Amino acid sequence: MESFRERGTNQSERLANIRKASRLADEEKNPCLHEQEISYRCLSENDYDRDKCEMAFQNYQNCRAFWNLIMKERKRNGISPALPPLSERDDIRAARLFKSTATA
């Protein structure tokens, strides 16, 4: 059996593809992945001083609260899956943003 190096596959390309696949899976499971990454990046850039990253943390918490509310509503209405697929999330965000600005 030949190894992936012998077949001409570059190990760094293979690892990049694995990371990309993992990220896609994470985006399916975690609608706040972007906000989470911003929080981690903020901590890293500020020597893990949590006080400097309060806005990033609050943004992540708001995101989680929003999607938890959406999941509860979908469960209550018998919609499956509770967490909407990626293809529906932008429309849900836009509808909620429009709804909240229209009532304000």
PDB file of N, CA and C in Angstrom:
ATOM      1  N   MET A   1       0.846  -1.181   0.000  1.00  0.00           N
ATOM      2  CA  MET A   1       0.000   0.000   0.000  1.00  0.00           C
ATOM      3  C   MET A   1       0.887   1.239   0.000  1.00  0.00           C
ATOM      4  N   GLU A   2       0.589   2.166  -0.920  1.00  0.00           N
ATOM      5  CA  GLU A   2       1.410   3.369  -0.964  1.00  0.00           C
ATOM      6  C   GLU A   2       0.858   4.441  -0.033  1.00  0.00           C
ATOM      7  N   SER A   3       1.763   5.253   0.482  1.00  0.00           N
ATOM      8  CA  SER A   3       1.349   6.334   1.362  1.00  0.00           C
ATOM      9  C   SER A   3       0.830   7.498   0.527  1.00  0.00           C
ATOM     10  N   PHE A   4       0.213   8.461   1.201  1.00  0.00           N
ATOM     11  CA  PHE A   4      -0.314   9.610   0.468  1.00  0.00           C
ATOM     12  C   PHE A   4       0.804  10.421  -0.179  1.00  0.00           C
ATOM     13  N   ARG A   5       2.011  10.392   0.370  1.00  0.00           N
ATOM     14  CA  ARG A   5       3.141  11.095  -0.249  1.00  0.00           C
ATOM     15  C   ARG A   5       3.512  10.448  -1.572  1.00  0.00           C
ATOM     16  N   GLU A   6       3.470   9.122  -1.599  1.00  0.00           N
ATOM     17  CA  GLU A   6       3.815   8.410  -2.822  1.00  0.00           C
ATOM     18  C   GLU A   6       2.756   8.628  -3.901  1.00  0.00           C
ATOM     19  N   ARG A   7       1.535   8.874  -3.536  1.00  0.00           N
ATOM     20  CA  ARG A   7       0.465   9.112  -4.503  1.00  0.00           C
ATOM     21  C   ARG A   7       0.489  10.539  -5.022  1.00  0.00           C
ATOM     22  N   GLY A   8       1.336  11.381  -4.459  1.00  0.00           N
ATOM     23  CA  GLY A   8       1.436  12.751  -4.925  1.00  0.00           C
ATOM     24  C   GLY A   8       0.597  13.729  -4.117  1.00  0.00           C
ATOM     25  N   THR A   9      -0.041  13.279  -3.053  1.00  0.00           N
ATOM     26  CA  THR A   9      -0.844  14.165  -2.235  1.00  0.00           C
ATOM     27  C   THR A   9       0.064  14.856  -1.226  1.00  0.00           C
ATOM     28  N   ASN A  10      -0.022  16.150  -1.168  1.00  0.00           N
ATOM     29  CA  ASN A  10       0.777  16.954  -0.258  1.00  0.00           C
ATOM     30  C   ASN A  10       0.137  16.893   1.128  1.00  0.00           C
ATOM     31  N   GLN A  11       0.912  16.611   2.139  1.00  0.00           N
ATOM     32  CA  GLN A  11       0.376  16.481   3.494  1.00  0.00           C
ATOM     33  C   GLN A  11      -0.256  17.787   3.975  1.00  0.00           C
ATOM     34  N   SER A  12       0.354  18.922   3.671  1.00  0.00           N
ATOM     35  CA  SER A  12      -0.221  20.189   4.129  1.00  0.00           C
ATOM     36  C   SER A  12      -1.565  20.444   3.443  1.00  0.00           C
ATOM     37  N   GLU A  13      -1.699  20.063   2.181  1.00  0.00           N
ATOM     38  CA  GLU A  13      -2.985  20.199   1.492  1.00  0.00           C
ATOM     39  C   GLU A  13      -4.037  19.291   2.128  1.00  0.00           C
ATOM     40  N   ARG A  14      -3.621  18.108   2.469  1.00  0.00           N
ATOM     41  CA  ARG A  14      -4.540  17.152   3.099  1.00  0.00           C
ATOM     42  C   ARG A  14      -5.030  17.691   4.448  1.00  0.00           C
ATOM     43  N   LEU A  15      -4.109  18.221   5.246  1.00  0.00           N
ATOM     44  CA  LEU A  15      -4.486  18.785   6.544  1.00  0.00           C
ATOM     45  C   LEU A  15      -5.375  20.012   6.371  1.00  0.00           C
ATOM     46  N   ALA A  16      -5.101  20.821   5.366  1.00  0.00           N
ATOM     47  CA  ALA A  16      -5.932  21.994   5.107  1.00  0.00           C
ATOM     48  C   ALA A  16      -7.349  21.565   4.728  1.00  0.00           C
ATOM     49  N   ASN A  17      -7.459  20.517   3.932  1.00  0.00           N
ATOM     50  CA  ASN A  17      -8.780  20.005   3.561  1.00  0.00           C
ATOM     51  C   ASN A  17      -9.531  19.451   4.765  1.00  0.00           C
ATOM     52  N   ILE A  18      -8.830  18.802   5.662  1.00  0.00           N
ATOM     53  CA  ILE A  18      -9.456  18.274   6.881  1.00  0.00           C
ATOM     54  C   ILE A  18      -9.953  19.424   7.738  1.00  0.00           C
ATOM     55  N   ARG A  19      -9.122  20.468   7.905  1.00  0.00           N
ATOM     56  CA  ARG A  19      -9.534  21.633   8.690  1.00  0.00           C
ATOM     57  C   ARG A  19     -10.738  22.319   8.055  1.00  0.00           C
ATOM     58  N   LYS A  20     -10.716  22.439   6.726  1.00  0.00           N
ATOM     59  CA  LYS A  20     -11.831  23.067   6.036  1.00  0.00           C
ATOM     60  C   LYS A  20     -13.113  22.265   6.254  1.00  0.00           C
ATOM     61  N   ALA A  21     -13.032  20.952   6.148  1.00  0.00           N
ATOM     62  CA  ALA A  21     -14.202  20.106   6.372  1.00  0.00           C
ATOM     63  C   ALA A  21     -14.684  20.228   7.808  1.00  0.00           C
ATOM     64  N   SER A  22     -13.766  20.286   8.748  1.00  0.00           N
ATOM     65  CA  SER A  22     -14.137  20.438  10.155  1.00  0.00           C
ATOM     66  C   SER A  22     -14.822  21.773  10.381  1.00  0.00           C
ATOM     67  N   ARG A  23     -14.319  22.814   9.767  1.00  0.00           N
ATOM     68  CA  ARG A  23     -14.915  24.149   9.920  1.00  0.00           C
ATOM     69  C   ARG A  23     -16.328  24.169   9.368  1.00  0.00           C
ATOM     70  N   LEU A  24     -16.525  23.555   8.208  1.00  0.00           N
ATOM     71  CA  LEU A  24     -17.862  23.519   7.634  1.00  0.00           C
ATOM     72  C   LEU A  24     -18.824  22.791   8.559  1.00  0.00           C
ATOM     73  N   ALA A  25     -18.352  21.711   9.137  1.00  0.00           N
ATOM     74  CA  ALA A  25     -19.193  20.970  10.072  1.00  0.00           C
ATOM     75  C   ALA A  25     -19.494  21.830  11.294  1.00  0.00           C
ATOM     76  N   ASP A  26     -18.513  22.571  11.744  1.00  0.00           N
ATOM     77  CA  ASP A  26     -18.722  23.437  12.896  1.00  0.00           C
ATOM     78  C   ASP A  26     -19.713  24.551  12.578  1.00  0.00           C
ATOM     79  N   GLU A  27     -19.653  25.095  11.380  1.00  0.00           N
ATOM     80  CA  GLU A  27     -20.602  26.146  11.013  1.00  0.00           C
ATOM     81  C   GLU A  27     -22.027  25.605  10.993  1.00  0.00           C
ATOM     82  N   GLU A  28     -22.173  24.359  10.613  1.00  0.00           N
ATOM     83  CA  GLU A  28     -23.506  23.743  10.637  1.00  0.00           C
ATOM     84  C   GLU A  28     -24.020  23.629  12.070  1.00  0.00           C
ATOM     85  N   LYS A  29     -23.110  23.325  12.983  1.00  0.00           N
ATOM     86  CA  LYS A  29     -23.503  23.088  14.373  1.00  0.00           C
ATOM     87  C   LYS A  29     -23.464  24.342  15.230  1.00  0.00           C
ATOM     88  N   ASN A  30     -22.660  25.306  14.846  1.00  0.00           N
ATOM     89  CA  ASN A  30     -22.453  26.500  15.662  1.00  0.00           C
ATOM     90  C   ASN A  30     -22.736  27.755  14.842  1.00  0.00           C
ATOM     91  N   PRO A  31     -23.938  28.312  14.959  1.00  0.00           N
ATOM     92  CA  PRO A  31     -24.257  29.498  14.167  1.00  0.00           C
ATOM     93  C   PRO A  31     -23.468  30.732  14.587  1.00  0.00           C
ATOM     94  N   CYS A  32     -22.797  30.657  15.714  1.00  0.00           N
ATOM     95  CA  CYS A  32     -22.023  31.795  16.228  1.00  0.00           C
ATOM     96  C   CYS A  32     -20.518  31.551  16.106  1.00  0.00           C
ATOM     97  N   LEU A  33     -20.128  30.725  15.163  1.00  0.00           N
ATOM     98  CA  LEU A  33     -18.715  30.399  15.000  1.00  0.00           C
ATOM     99  C   LEU A  33     -17.885  31.646  14.718  1.00  0.00           C
ATOM    100  N   HIS A  34     -18.387  32.526  13.884  1.00  0.00           N
ATOM    101  CA  HIS A  34     -17.654  33.753  13.550  1.00  0.00           C
ATOM    102  C   HIS A  34     -17.430  34.602  14.800  1.00  0.00           C
ATOM    103  N   GLU A  35     -18.471  34.779  15.593  1.00  0.00           N
ATOM    104  CA  GLU A  35     -18.353  35.573  16.822  1.00  0.00           C
ATOM    105  C   GLU A  35     -17.408  34.899  17.816  1.00  0.00           C
ATOM    106  N   GLN A  36     -17.440  33.580  17.859  1.00  0.00           N
ATOM    107  CA  GLN A  36     -16.542  32.833  18.739  1.00  0.00           C
ATOM    108  C   GLN A  36     -15.093  33.054  18.322  1.00  0.00           C
ATOM    109  N   GLU A  37     -14.836  32.983  17.026  1.00  0.00           N
ATOM    110  CA  GLU A  37     -13.472  33.196  16.532  1.00  0.00           C
ATOM    111  C   GLU A  37     -12.989  34.609  16.821  1.00  0.00           C
ATOM    112  N   ILE A  38     -13.884  35.593  16.712  1.00  0.00           N
ATOM    113  CA  ILE A  38     -13.513  36.975  17.025  1.00  0.00           C
ATOM    114  C   ILE A  38     -13.116  37.093  18.494  1.00  0.00           C
ATOM    115  N   SER A  39     -13.860  36.431  19.368  1.00  0.00           N
ATOM    116  CA  SER A  39     -13.533  36.454  20.802  1.00  0.00           C
ATOM    117  C   SER A  39     -12.161  35.834  21.060  1.00  0.00           C
ATOM    118  N   TYR A  40     -11.917  34.679  20.442  1.00  0.00           N
ATOM    119  CA  TYR A  40     -10.618  34.016  20.615  1.00  0.00           C
ATOM    120  C   TYR A  40      -9.478  34.885  20.083  1.00  0.00           C
ATOM    121  N   ARG A  41      -9.700  35.491  18.915  1.00  0.00           N
ATOM    122  CA  ARG A  41      -8.670  36.337  18.325  1.00  0.00           C
ATOM    123  C   ARG A  41      -8.392  37.543  19.212  1.00  0.00           C
ATOM    124  N   CYS A  42      -9.452  38.128  19.766  1.00  0.00           N
ATOM    125  CA  CYS A  42      -9.287  39.276  20.656  1.00  0.00           C
ATOM    126  C   CYS A  42      -8.440  38.895  21.865  1.00  0.00           C
ATOM    127  N   LEU A  43      -8.761  37.760  22.460  1.00  0.00           N
ATOM    128  CA  LEU A  43      -7.971  37.310  23.610  1.00  0.00           C
ATOM    129  C   LEU A  43      -6.506  37.127  23.239  1.00  0.00           C
ATOM    130  N   SER A  44      -6.273  36.491  22.111  1.00  0.00           N
ATOM    131  CA  SER A  44      -4.909  36.240  21.672  1.00  0.00           C
ATOM    132  C   SER A  44      -4.147  37.541  21.427  1.00  0.00           C
ATOM    133  N   GLU A  45      -4.807  38.495  20.777  1.00  0.00           N
ATOM    134  CA  GLU A  45      -4.145  39.762  20.448  1.00  0.00           C
ATOM    135  C   GLU A  45      -3.949  40.661  21.661  1.00  0.00           C
ATOM    136  N   ASN A  46      -4.697  40.441  22.728  1.00  0.00           N
ATOM    137  CA  ASN A  46      -4.619  41.289  23.915  1.00  0.00           C
ATOM    138  C   ASN A  46      -4.050  40.553  25.124  1.00  0.00           C
ATOM    139  N   ASP A  47      -3.204  39.575  24.863  1.00  0.00           N
ATOM    140  CA  ASP A  47      -2.527  38.820  25.927  1.00  0.00           C
ATOM    141  C   ASP A  47      -3.509  38.279  26.966  1.00  0.00           C
ATOM    142  N   TYR A  48      -4.659  37.833  26.477  1.00  0.00           N
ATOM    143  CA  TYR A  48      -5.691  37.191  27.309  1.00  0.00           C
ATOM    144  C   TYR A  48      -6.225  38.097  28.419  1.00  0.00           C
ATOM    145  N   ASP A  49      -6.234  39.393  28.142  1.00  0.00           N
ATOM    146  CA  ASP A  49      -6.837  40.367  29.052  1.00  0.00           C
ATOM    147  C   ASP A  49      -8.326  40.432  28.710  1.00  0.00           C
ATOM    148  N   ARG A  50      -9.148  39.775  29.524  1.00  0.00           N
ATOM    149  CA  ARG A  50     -10.576  39.659  29.245  1.00  0.00           C
ATOM    150  C   ARG A  50     -11.288  41.020  29.225  1.00  0.00           C
ATOM    151  N   ASP A  51     -10.796  41.964  29.998  1.00  0.00           N
ATOM    152  CA  ASP A  51     -11.426  43.284  30.039  1.00  0.00           C
ATOM    153  C   ASP A  51     -11.407  43.971  28.674  1.00  0.00           C
ATOM    154  N   LYS A  52     -10.367  43.732  27.889  1.00  0.00           N
ATOM    155  CA  LYS A  52     -10.251  44.366  26.579  1.00  0.00           C
ATOM    156  C   LYS A  52     -11.156  43.716  25.538  1.00  0.00           C
ATOM    157  N   CYS A  53     -11.741  42.579  25.880  1.00  0.00           N
ATOM    158  CA  CYS A  53     -12.547  41.833  24.911  1.00  0.00           C
ATOM    159  C   CYS A  53     -14.017  41.767  25.304  1.00  0.00           C
ATOM    160  N   GLU A  54     -14.449  42.620  26.203  1.00  0.00           N
ATOM    161  CA  GLU A  54     -15.836  42.575  26.669  1.00  0.00           C
ATOM    162  C   GLU A  54     -16.842  42.720  25.532  1.00  0.00           C
ATOM    163  N   MET A  55     -16.569  43.603  24.566  1.00  0.00           N
ATOM    164  CA  MET A  55     -17.500  43.803  23.465  1.00  0.00           C
ATOM    165  C   MET A  55     -17.614  42.526  22.614  1.00  0.00           C
ATOM    166  N   ALA A  56     -16.492  41.880  22.367  1.00  0.00           N
ATOM    167  CA  ALA A  56     -16.512  40.633  21.593  1.00  0.00           C
ATOM    168  C   ALA A  56     -17.279  39.553  22.349  1.00  0.00           C
ATOM    169  N   PHE A  57     -17.076  39.475  23.658  1.00  0.00           N
ATOM    170  CA  PHE A  57     -17.796  38.480  24.462  1.00  0.00           C
ATOM    171  C   PHE A  57     -19.291  38.760  24.462  1.00  0.00           C
ATOM    172  N   GLN A  58     -19.664  40.026  24.591  1.00  0.00           N
ATOM    173  CA  GLN A  58     -21.079  40.385  24.599  1.00  0.00           C
ATOM    174  C   GLN A  58     -21.727  40.071  23.253  1.00  0.00           C
ATOM    175  N   ASN A  59     -21.003  40.323  22.187  1.00  0.00           N
ATOM    176  CA  ASN A  59     -21.515  40.019  20.853  1.00  0.00           C
ATOM    177  C   ASN A  59     -21.754  38.508  20.714  1.00  0.00           C
ATOM    178  N   TYR A  60     -20.822  37.708  21.206  1.00  0.00           N
ATOM    179  CA  TYR A  60     -20.982  36.249  21.165  1.00  0.00           C
ATOM    180  C   TYR A  60     -22.191  35.821  22.007  1.00  0.00           C
ATOM    181  N   GLN A  61     -22.322  36.393  23.193  1.00  0.00           N
ATOM    182  CA  GLN A  61     -23.456  36.036  24.061  1.00  0.00           C
ATOM    183  C   GLN A  61     -24.781  36.426  23.418  1.00  0.00           C
ATOM    184  N   ASN A  62     -24.826  37.578  22.754  1.00  0.00           N
ATOM    185  CA  ASN A  62     -26.045  37.990  22.051  1.00  0.00           C
ATOM    186  C   ASN A  62     -26.378  37.029  20.918  1.00  0.00           C
ATOM    187  N   CYS A  63     -25.372  36.608  20.217  1.00  0.00           N
ATOM    188  CA  CYS A  63     -25.567  35.657  19.126  1.00  0.00           C
ATOM    189  C   CYS A  63     -26.140  34.342  19.656  1.00  0.00           C
ATOM    190  N   ARG A  64     -25.532  33.824  20.718  1.00  0.00           N
ATOM    191  CA  ARG A  64     -26.014  32.553  21.309  1.00  0.00           C
ATOM    192  C   ARG A  64     -27.455  32.702  21.796  1.00  0.00           C
ATOM    193  N   ALA A  65     -27.766  33.824  22.437  1.00  0.00           N
ATOM    194  CA  ALA A  65     -29.125  34.042  22.939  1.00  0.00           C
ATOM    195  C   ALA A  65     -30.122  34.084  21.772  1.00  0.00           C
ATOM    196  N   PHE A  66     -29.746  34.754  20.681  1.00  0.00           N
ATOM    197  CA  PHE A  66     -30.609  34.842  19.510  1.00  0.00           C
ATOM    198  C   PHE A  66     -30.908  33.457  18.948  1.00  0.00           C
ATOM    199  N   TRP A  67     -29.867  32.657  18.719  1.00  0.00           N
ATOM    200  CA  TRP A  67     -30.088  31.340  18.115  1.00  0.00           C
ATOM    201  C   TRP A  67     -30.753  30.370  19.080  1.00  0.00           C
ATOM    202  N   ASN A  68     -30.520  30.521  20.369  1.00  0.00           N
ATOM    203  CA  ASN A  68     -31.247  29.692  21.337  1.00  0.00           C
ATOM    204  C   ASN A  68     -32.740  30.001  21.287  1.00  0.00           C
ATOM    205  N   LEU A  69     -33.079  31.284  21.146  1.00  0.00           N
ATOM    206  CA  LEU A  69     -34.479  31.678  21.017  1.00  0.00           C
ATOM    207  C   LEU A  69     -35.100  31.077  19.751  1.00  0.00           C
ATOM    208  N   ILE A  70     -34.369  31.144  18.649  1.00  0.00           N
ATOM    209  CA  ILE A  70     -34.845  30.581  17.380  1.00  0.00           C
ATOM    210  C   ILE A  70     -35.073  29.071  17.532  1.00  0.00           C
ATOM    211  N   MET A  71     -34.127  28.385  18.170  1.00  0.00           N
ATOM    212  CA  MET A  71     -34.266  26.929  18.339  1.00  0.00           C
ATOM    213  C   MET A  71     -35.466  26.587  19.211  1.00  0.00           C
ATOM    214  N   LYS A  72     -35.687  27.346  20.277  1.00  0.00           N
ATOM    215  CA  LYS A  72     -36.851  27.102  21.142  1.00  0.00           C
ATOM    216  C   LYS A  72     -38.148  27.290  20.365  1.00  0.00           C
ATOM    217  N   GLU A  73     -38.214  28.359  19.573  1.00  0.00           N
ATOM    218  CA  GLU A  73     -39.417  28.617  18.782  1.00  0.00           C
ATOM    219  C   GLU A  73     -39.667  27.506  17.770  1.00  0.00           C
ATOM    220  N   ARG A  74     -38.607  27.067  17.105  1.00  0.00           N
ATOM    221  CA  ARG A  74     -38.766  26.010  16.105  1.00  0.00           C
ATOM    222  C   ARG A  74     -39.204  24.705  16.758  1.00  0.00           C
ATOM    223  N   LYS A  75     -38.650  24.386  17.917  1.00  0.00           N
ATOM    224  CA  LYS A  75     -39.072  23.175  18.634  1.00  0.00           C
ATOM    225  C   LYS A  75     -40.536  23.285  19.029  1.00  0.00           C
ATOM    226  N   ARG A  76     -40.916  24.429  19.565  1.00  0.00           N
ATOM    227  CA  ARG A  76     -42.293  24.651  19.995  1.00  0.00           C
ATOM    228  C   ARG A  76     -43.268  24.525  18.819  1.00  0.00           C
ATOM    229  N   ASN A  77     -42.824  24.943  17.626  1.00  0.00           N
ATOM    230  CA  ASN A  77     -43.666  24.886  16.441  1.00  0.00           C
ATOM    231  C   ASN A  77     -43.534  23.575  15.673  1.00  0.00           C
ATOM    232  N   GLY A  78     -42.756  22.641  16.224  1.00  0.00           N
ATOM    233  CA  GLY A  78     -42.602  21.329  15.599  1.00  0.00           C
ATOM    234  C   GLY A  78     -41.740  21.330  14.348  1.00  0.00           C
ATOM    235  N   ILE A  79     -40.881  22.331  14.210  1.00  0.00           N
ATOM    236  CA  ILE A  79     -40.006  22.425  13.037  1.00  0.00           C
ATOM    237  C   ILE A  79     -38.696  21.701  13.351  1.00  0.00           C
ATOM    238  N   SER A  80     -38.309  20.838  12.425  1.00  0.00           N
ATOM    239  CA  SER A  80     -37.079  20.080  12.603  1.00  0.00           C
ATOM    240  C   SER A  80     -36.190  20.319  11.388  1.00  0.00           C
ATOM    241  N   PRO A  81     -34.917  20.508  11.589  1.00  0.00           N
ATOM    242  CA  PRO A  81     -34.159  20.536  12.831  1.00  0.00           C
ATOM    243  C   PRO A  81     -34.370  21.856  13.574  1.00  0.00           C
ATOM    244  N   ALA A  82     -34.125  21.812  14.865  1.00  0.00           N
ATOM    245  CA  ALA A  82     -34.313  23.013  15.682  1.00  0.00           C
ATOM    246  C   ALA A  82     -33.355  24.123  15.260  1.00  0.00           C
ATOM    247  N   LEU A  83     -32.130  23.758  14.956  1.00  0.00           N
ATOM    248  CA  LEU A  83     -31.159  24.735  14.462  1.00  0.00           C
ATOM    249  C   LEU A  83     -31.294  24.784  12.946  1.00  0.00           C
ATOM    250  N   PRO A  84     -31.675  25.929  12.401  1.00  0.00           N
ATOM    251  CA  PRO A  84     -31.882  26.012  10.955  1.00  0.00           C
ATOM    252  C   PRO A  84     -30.604  25.711  10.178  1.00  0.00           C
ATOM    253  N   PRO A  85     -30.746  25.142   8.992  1.00  0.00           N
ATOM    254  CA  PRO A  85     -29.566  24.918   8.157  1.00  0.00           C
ATOM    255  C   PRO A  85     -28.959  26.244   7.722  1.00  0.00           C
ATOM    256  N   LEU A  86     -27.701  26.205   7.320  1.00  0.00           N
ATOM    257  CA  LEU A  86     -26.993  27.416   6.907  1.00  0.00           C
ATOM    258  C   LEU A  86     -27.768  28.197   5.849  1.00  0.00           C
ATOM    259  N   SER A  87     -28.397  27.495   4.945  1.00  0.00           N
ATOM    260  CA  SER A  87     -29.098  28.148   3.839  1.00  0.00           C
ATOM    261  C   SER A  87     -30.268  29.017   4.304  1.00  0.00           C
ATOM    262  N   GLU A  88     -30.805  28.776   5.486  1.00  0.00           N
ATOM    263  CA  GLU A  88     -31.951  29.538   5.986  1.00  0.00           C
ATOM    264  C   GLU A  88     -31.568  30.643   6.974  1.00  0.00           C
ATOM    265  N   ARG A  89     -30.365  30.607   7.483  1.00  0.00           N
ATOM    266  CA  ARG A  89     -29.993  31.503   8.589  1.00  0.00           C
ATOM    267  C   ARG A  89     -29.981  32.972   8.211  1.00  0.00           C
ATOM    268  N   ASP A  90     -29.484  33.309   7.032  1.00  0.00           N
ATOM    269  CA  ASP A  90     -29.457  34.718   6.633  1.00  0.00           C
ATOM    270  C   ASP A  90     -30.865  35.284   6.540  1.00  0.00           C
ATOM    271  N   ASP A  91     -31.790  34.495   5.997  1.00  0.00           N
ATOM    272  CA  ASP A  91     -33.180  34.955   5.886  1.00  0.00           C
ATOM    273  C   ASP A  91     -33.806  35.150   7.268  1.00  0.00           C
ATOM    274  N   ILE A  92     -33.500  34.260   8.187  1.00  0.00           N
ATOM    275  CA  ILE A  92     -34.037  34.369   9.549  1.00  0.00           C
ATOM    276  C   ILE A  92     -33.493  35.619  10.226  1.00  0.00           C
ATOM    277  N   ARG A  93     -32.190  35.843  10.103  1.00  0.00           N
ATOM    278  CA  ARG A  93     -31.577  37.048  10.686  1.00  0.00           C
ATOM    279  C   ARG A  93     -32.224  38.305  10.112  1.00  0.00           C
ATOM    280  N   ALA A  94     -32.354  38.341   8.787  1.00  0.00           N
ATOM    281  CA  ALA A  94     -32.910  39.524   8.128  1.00  0.00           C
ATOM    282  C   ALA A  94     -34.352  39.762   8.558  1.00  0.00           C
ATOM    283  N   ALA A  95     -35.140  38.702   8.642  1.00  0.00           N
ATOM    284  CA  ALA A  95     -36.544  38.843   9.045  1.00  0.00           C
ATOM    285  C   ALA A  95     -36.644  39.360  10.477  1.00  0.00           C
ATOM    286  N   ARG A  96     -35.818  38.841  11.363  1.00  0.00           N
ATOM    287  CA  ARG A  96     -35.839  39.291  12.763  1.00  0.00           C
ATOM    288  C   ARG A  96     -35.347  40.714  12.894  1.00  0.00           C
ATOM    289  N   LEU A  97     -34.328  41.075  12.140  1.00  0.00           N
ATOM    290  CA  LEU A  97     -33.824  42.438  12.198  1.00  0.00           C
ATOM    291  C   LEU A  97     -34.891  43.406  11.695  1.00  0.00           C
ATOM    292  N   PHE A  98     -35.537  43.052  10.592  1.00  0.00           N
ATOM    293  CA  PHE A  98     -36.606  43.902  10.051  1.00  0.00           C
ATOM    294  C   PHE A  98     -37.750  43.997  11.042  1.00  0.00           C
ATOM    295  N   LYS A  99     -38.110  42.869  11.661  1.00  0.00           N
ATOM    296  CA  LYS A  99     -39.220  42.842  12.628  1.00  0.00           C
ATOM    297  C   LYS A  99     -38.894  43.723  13.839  1.00  0.00           C
ATOM    298  N   SER A 100     -37.663  43.653  14.333  1.00  0.00           N
ATOM    299  CA  SER A 100     -37.300  44.435  15.530  1.00  0.00           C
ATOM    300  C   SER A 100     -37.182  45.920  15.217  1.00  0.00           C
ATOM    301  N   THR A 101     -36.735  46.285  14.004  1.00  0.00           N
ATOM    302  CA  THR A 101     -36.630  47.708  13.655  1.00  0.00           C
ATOM    303  C   THR A 101     -38.004  48.278  13.314  1.00  0.00           C
ATOM    304  N   ALA A 102     -38.903  47.450  12.817  1.00  0.00           N
ATOM    305  CA  ALA A 102     -40.240  47.930  12.457  1.00  0.00           C
ATOM    306  C   ALA A 102     -41.062  48.227  13.715  1.00  0.00           C
ATOM    307  N   THR A 103     -40.814  47.492  14.794  1.00  0.00           N
ATOM    308  CA  THR A 103     -41.565  47.707  16.027  1.00  0.00           C
ATOM    309  C   THR A 103     -40.940  48.780  16.914  1.00  0.00           C
ATOM    310  N   ALA A 104     -39.719  49.165  16.618  1.00  0.00           N
ATOM    311  CA  ALA A 104     -39.018  50.157  17.446  1.00  0.00           C
ATOM    312  C   ALA A 104     -39.446  51.567  17.116  1.00  0.00           C
TER     313      ALA A 104
END
